């Protein structure tokens, strides 16, 4: 156990991930801990030599995590719909910005580019993005790790809701294991590096995915 903790304390030179997708708020939030967590997550990615894909904004937590990764010399890829550019990008954009036509394309492209997903604190948009990639895992579209950075208990209510849904037989105990959560960026990255999928849902066929409007499994699950 002690050796495992020591291993976790030192980010490995070679991460299993090439690029991680981060969902987070375009607001900095009221609690300074959220802002600090965004910067710490960015630094963790840099230390582990992981690139970032995110929603493309330069404000709020999005701006902090992307700037931390960019300043650390890693590649930053922002995916943003045309209509959100005036709202979420102020001044110079951070890293590479890829403009897409709408929200569905944005989410599918972020998922296609990423090897894992992390949600920092955020609002409706962050929650919607997080739940969609969890649902895709449940449907068997991908088996990439999904992490929740539960800063100062921000997501306690969400985790309680999910546990209640398990108790009431709306979510299976196996599907509950899709979500990995931790209170610090370092602990979360350690858990994600060690993550082994425990849930095996029904695999959607390519035809079903297209009917549902998703990108093809080969794109998202690559």
Protein backbone atom coordinates (compact mmCIF):
# COMPACT_ATOMS: atom_id res chain seq x y z
CA UNK A 1 0.00 0.00 0.00
CA UNK A 2 2.84 2.34 0.90
CA UNK A 3 4.55 1.66 -2.45
CA UNK A 4 1.30 2.43 -4.29
CA UNK A 5 1.04 5.78 -2.47
CA UNK A 6 4.66 6.62 -3.32
CA UNK A 7 4.05 5.76 -6.97
CA UNK A 8 1.01 7.98 -6.96
CA UNK A 9 2.93 10.88 -5.45
CA UNK A 10 5.32 10.97 -8.42
CA UNK A 11 3.57 11.37 -11.81
CA UNK A 12 4.95 8.70 -14.14
CA UNK A 13 7.09 9.84 -17.03
CA UNK A 14 4.75 8.07 -19.42
CA UNK A 15 1.02 8.54 -18.88
CA UNK A 16 -1.51 6.21 -20.46
CA UNK A 17 -3.25 9.33 -21.79
CA UNK A 18 -2.12 11.51 -24.67
CA UNK A 19 -4.91 14.05 -24.30
CA UNK A 20 -7.56 14.67 -21.63
CA UNK A 21 -10.84 16.50 -22.15
CA UNK A 22 -11.78 18.92 -19.36
CA UNK A 23 -15.33 20.20 -18.86
CA UNK A 24 -15.66 23.27 -16.65
CA UNK A 25 -17.37 26.60 -16.13
CA UNK A 26 -16.90 29.74 -18.17
CA UNK A 27 -17.23 31.49 -14.79
CA UNK A 28 -14.46 31.41 -12.15
CA UNK A 29 -17.01 30.61 -9.44
CA UNK A 30 -17.35 32.23 -6.04
CA UNK A 31 -14.94 29.95 -4.15
CA UNK A 32 -11.23 30.63 -4.85
CA UNK A 33 -10.67 26.88 -4.37
CA UNK A 34 -12.29 26.25 -7.74
CA UNK A 35 -9.82 28.52 -9.47
CA UNK A 36 -6.89 26.96 -7.65
CA UNK A 37 -8.11 23.46 -8.59
CA UNK A 38 -8.28 24.44 -12.28
CA UNK A 39 -4.67 25.63 -12.19
CA UNK A 40 -3.54 22.54 -10.26
CA UNK A 41 -5.26 20.27 -12.77
CA UNK A 42 -3.49 22.07 -15.59
CA UNK A 43 -0.15 21.58 -13.84
CA UNK A 44 -0.91 17.88 -13.30
CA UNK A 45 -1.49 17.46 -17.01
CA UNK A 46 1.79 19.23 -17.76
CA UNK A 47 3.73 17.09 -15.28
CA UNK A 48 2.31 13.94 -16.87
CA UNK A 49 2.99 15.25 -20.39
CA UNK A 50 -0.70 15.21 -21.30
CA UNK A 51 -2.29 17.60 -23.80
CA UNK A 52 -5.65 19.30 -23.24
CA UNK A 53 -8.87 19.42 -25.20
CA UNK A 54 -11.61 21.66 -23.83
CA UNK A 55 -14.47 23.96 -24.76
CA UNK A 56 -12.26 26.69 -26.20
CA UNK A 57 -13.12 29.60 -23.90
CA UNK A 58 -10.55 31.98 -22.45
CA UNK A 59 -12.60 33.04 -19.43
CA UNK A 60 -13.50 31.48 -16.08
CA UNK A 61 -12.17 28.06 -15.13
CA UNK A 62 -11.81 27.25 -18.83
CA UNK A 63 -9.31 30.06 -19.19
CA UNK A 64 -7.36 29.08 -16.08
CA UNK A 65 -6.90 25.39 -16.88
CA UNK A 66 -6.07 26.04 -20.55
CA UNK A 67 -3.55 28.78 -19.71
CA UNK A 68 -1.84 26.55 -17.13
CA UNK A 69 -1.45 23.76 -19.69
CA UNK A 70 -0.34 26.14 -22.44
CA UNK A 71 2.20 27.88 -20.16
CA UNK A 72 3.58 24.45 -19.30
CA UNK A 73 4.39 23.79 -22.94
CA UNK A 74 1.67 21.27 -23.73
CA UNK A 75 -0.71 21.45 -26.68
CA UNK A 76 -4.11 22.99 -26.04
CA UNK A 77 -7.03 22.31 -28.38
CA UNK A 78 -10.20 24.32 -27.89
CA UNK A 79 -13.42 23.25 -29.62
CA UNK A 80 -15.99 26.02 -29.78
CA UNK A 81 -19.19 26.71 -31.75
CA UNK A 82 -19.18 29.87 -33.86
CA UNK A 83 -22.06 31.39 -31.89
CA UNK A 84 -20.17 31.15 -28.57
CA UNK A 85 -16.93 32.75 -29.73
CA UNK A 86 -17.87 36.36 -28.84
CA UNK A 87 -19.17 35.21 -25.47
CA UNK A 88 -16.43 32.82 -24.30
CA UNK A 89 -13.26 34.15 -25.96
CA UNK A 90 -11.86 37.49 -24.82
CA UNK A 91 -8.52 38.75 -26.09
CA UNK A 92 -6.11 36.23 -27.57
CA UNK A 93 -7.35 32.61 -27.69
CA UNK A 94 -5.30 29.99 -25.83
CA UNK A 95 -3.56 27.44 -28.05
CA UNK A 96 -5.29 25.98 -31.10
CA UNK A 97 -8.96 26.86 -31.57
CA UNK A 98 -11.15 24.68 -33.78
CA UNK A 99 -14.48 26.27 -34.72
CA UNK A 100 -17.47 23.96 -35.21
CA UNK A 101 -21.07 24.54 -36.27
CA UNK A 102 -22.89 23.70 -33.05
CA UNK A 103 -22.95 22.13 -29.58
CA UNK A 104 -23.46 18.53 -30.75
CA UNK A 105 -20.44 18.70 -33.02
CA UNK A 106 -18.42 20.32 -30.24
CA UNK A 107 -19.12 17.48 -27.80
CA UNK A 108 -18.53 14.75 -30.37
CA UNK A 109 -15.22 16.29 -31.44
CA UNK A 110 -14.00 16.71 -27.86
CA UNK A 111 -14.91 13.09 -27.16
CA UNK A 112 -13.17 11.90 -30.32
CA UNK A 113 -9.96 13.75 -29.43
CA UNK A 114 -9.76 12.68 -25.77
CA UNK A 115 -8.48 9.59 -23.98
CA UNK A 116 -10.26 10.51 -20.73
CA UNK A 117 -12.68 13.11 -19.36
CA UNK A 118 -12.56 15.32 -16.26
CA UNK A 119 -15.21 17.69 -14.94
CA UNK A 120 -14.22 20.66 -12.79
CA UNK A 121 -16.96 22.72 -11.11
CA UNK A 122 -19.35 24.32 -13.57
CA UNK A 123 -23.00 24.93 -14.37
CA UNK A 124 -25.62 23.51 -16.71
CA UNK A 125 -23.24 23.15 -19.66
CA UNK A 126 -20.60 21.32 -17.65
CA UNK A 127 -23.19 19.01 -16.13
CA UNK A 128 -24.73 18.25 -19.52
CA UNK A 129 -21.34 17.43 -21.07
CA UNK A 130 -20.38 15.25 -18.11
CA UNK A 131 -23.63 13.28 -18.09
CA UNK A 132 -23.51 12.75 -21.83
CA UNK A 133 -20.06 11.10 -21.77
CA UNK A 134 -21.21 8.98 -18.80
CA UNK A 135 -24.28 7.95 -20.81
CA UNK A 136 -22.10 7.13 -23.83
CA UNK A 137 -20.03 4.85 -21.58
CA UNK A 138 -23.20 3.20 -20.27
CA UNK A 139 -24.34 2.61 -23.85
CA UNK A 140 -20.99 1.08 -24.76
CA UNK A 141 -19.97 3.84 -27.18
CA UNK A 142 -16.66 4.26 -25.33
CA UNK A 143 -14.86 2.90 -22.27
CA UNK A 144 -12.68 5.93 -21.52
CA UNK A 145 -12.29 7.01 -17.86
CA UNK A 146 -14.63 9.76 -16.59
CA UNK A 147 -13.39 11.78 -13.61
CA UNK A 148 -15.14 14.22 -11.31
CA UNK A 149 -12.94 16.79 -9.53
CA UNK A 150 -15.09 17.26 -6.45
CA UNK A 151 -13.52 20.47 -5.15
CA UNK A 152 -14.67 21.30 -1.60
CA UNK A 153 -17.58 18.92 -2.04
CA UNK A 154 -19.04 20.84 -4.99
CA UNK A 155 -20.41 17.65 -6.54
CA UNK A 156 -21.54 15.95 -3.32
CA UNK A 157 -25.19 16.54 -4.18
CA UNK A 158 -24.74 15.07 -7.66
CA UNK A 159 -23.01 11.98 -6.27
CA UNK A 160 -25.79 11.60 -3.69
CA UNK A 161 -28.38 11.82 -6.47
CA UNK A 162 -26.56 9.12 -8.45
CA UNK A 163 -26.35 6.88 -5.37
CA UNK A 164 -30.09 7.43 -4.81
CA UNK A 165 -30.74 6.43 -8.44
CA UNK A 166 -28.76 3.23 -7.80
CA UNK A 167 -30.81 2.53 -4.66
CA UNK A 168 -34.03 3.02 -6.65
CA UNK A 169 -32.87 0.74 -9.51
CA UNK A 170 -32.58 3.49 -12.15
CA UNK A 171 -28.79 3.07 -12.37
CA UNK A 172 -27.08 -0.29 -11.93
CA UNK A 173 -24.30 -0.62 -9.34
CA UNK A 174 -21.93 -1.55 -12.20
CA UNK A 175 -22.82 1.64 -14.11
CA UNK A 176 -22.15 3.65 -10.94
CA UNK A 177 -18.51 2.63 -11.31
CA UNK A 178 -18.22 4.58 -14.57
CA UNK A 179 -17.59 7.73 -12.50
CA UNK A 180 -14.28 8.24 -10.69
CA UNK A 181 -14.19 11.10 -8.18
CA UNK A 182 -11.57 12.76 -5.98
CA UNK A 183 -11.11 16.04 -4.13
CA UNK A 184 -7.73 16.99 -5.59
CA UNK A 185 -6.32 17.00 -9.11
CA UNK A 186 -3.39 14.82 -8.09
CA UNK A 187 -5.58 12.14 -6.49
CA UNK A 188 -7.98 12.17 -9.42
CA UNK A 189 -5.21 11.74 -11.99
CA UNK A 190 -3.81 8.81 -10.02
CA UNK A 191 -7.23 7.15 -9.99
CA UNK A 192 -7.77 7.75 -13.70
CA UNK A 193 -4.36 6.31 -14.56
CA UNK A 194 -5.30 3.14 -12.65
CA UNK A 195 -8.89 2.95 -13.91
CA UNK A 196 -10.10 -0.36 -15.32
CA UNK A 197 -13.63 -0.40 -16.80
CA UNK A 198 -15.96 -2.45 -14.60
CA UNK A 199 -19.10 -1.78 -16.57
CA UNK A 200 -19.92 -3.60 -19.78
CA UNK A 201 -23.10 -2.17 -21.27
CA UNK A 202 -24.88 -3.11 -24.46
CA UNK A 203 -22.76 -2.06 -27.43
CA UNK A 204 -24.59 0.26 -29.77
CA UNK A 205 -24.37 -0.65 -33.41
CA UNK A 206 -23.08 1.97 -35.84
CA UNK A 207 -26.60 2.28 -37.28
CA UNK A 208 -28.17 2.93 -33.87
CA UNK A 209 -25.58 5.58 -33.05
CA UNK A 210 -26.31 7.42 -36.28
CA UNK A 211 -30.05 7.31 -35.57
CA UNK A 212 -29.36 8.81 -32.14
CA UNK A 213 -27.23 11.54 -33.73
CA UNK A 214 -23.93 10.46 -32.18
CA UNK A 215 -20.61 10.35 -33.97
CA UNK A 216 -19.57 6.85 -34.96
CA UNK A 217 -18.20 4.62 -32.27
CA UNK A 218 -14.90 4.29 -34.11
CA UNK A 219 -14.49 8.08 -33.81
CA UNK A 220 -15.43 8.46 -30.13
CA UNK A 221 -13.96 5.21 -28.84
CA UNK A 222 -10.76 5.24 -30.91
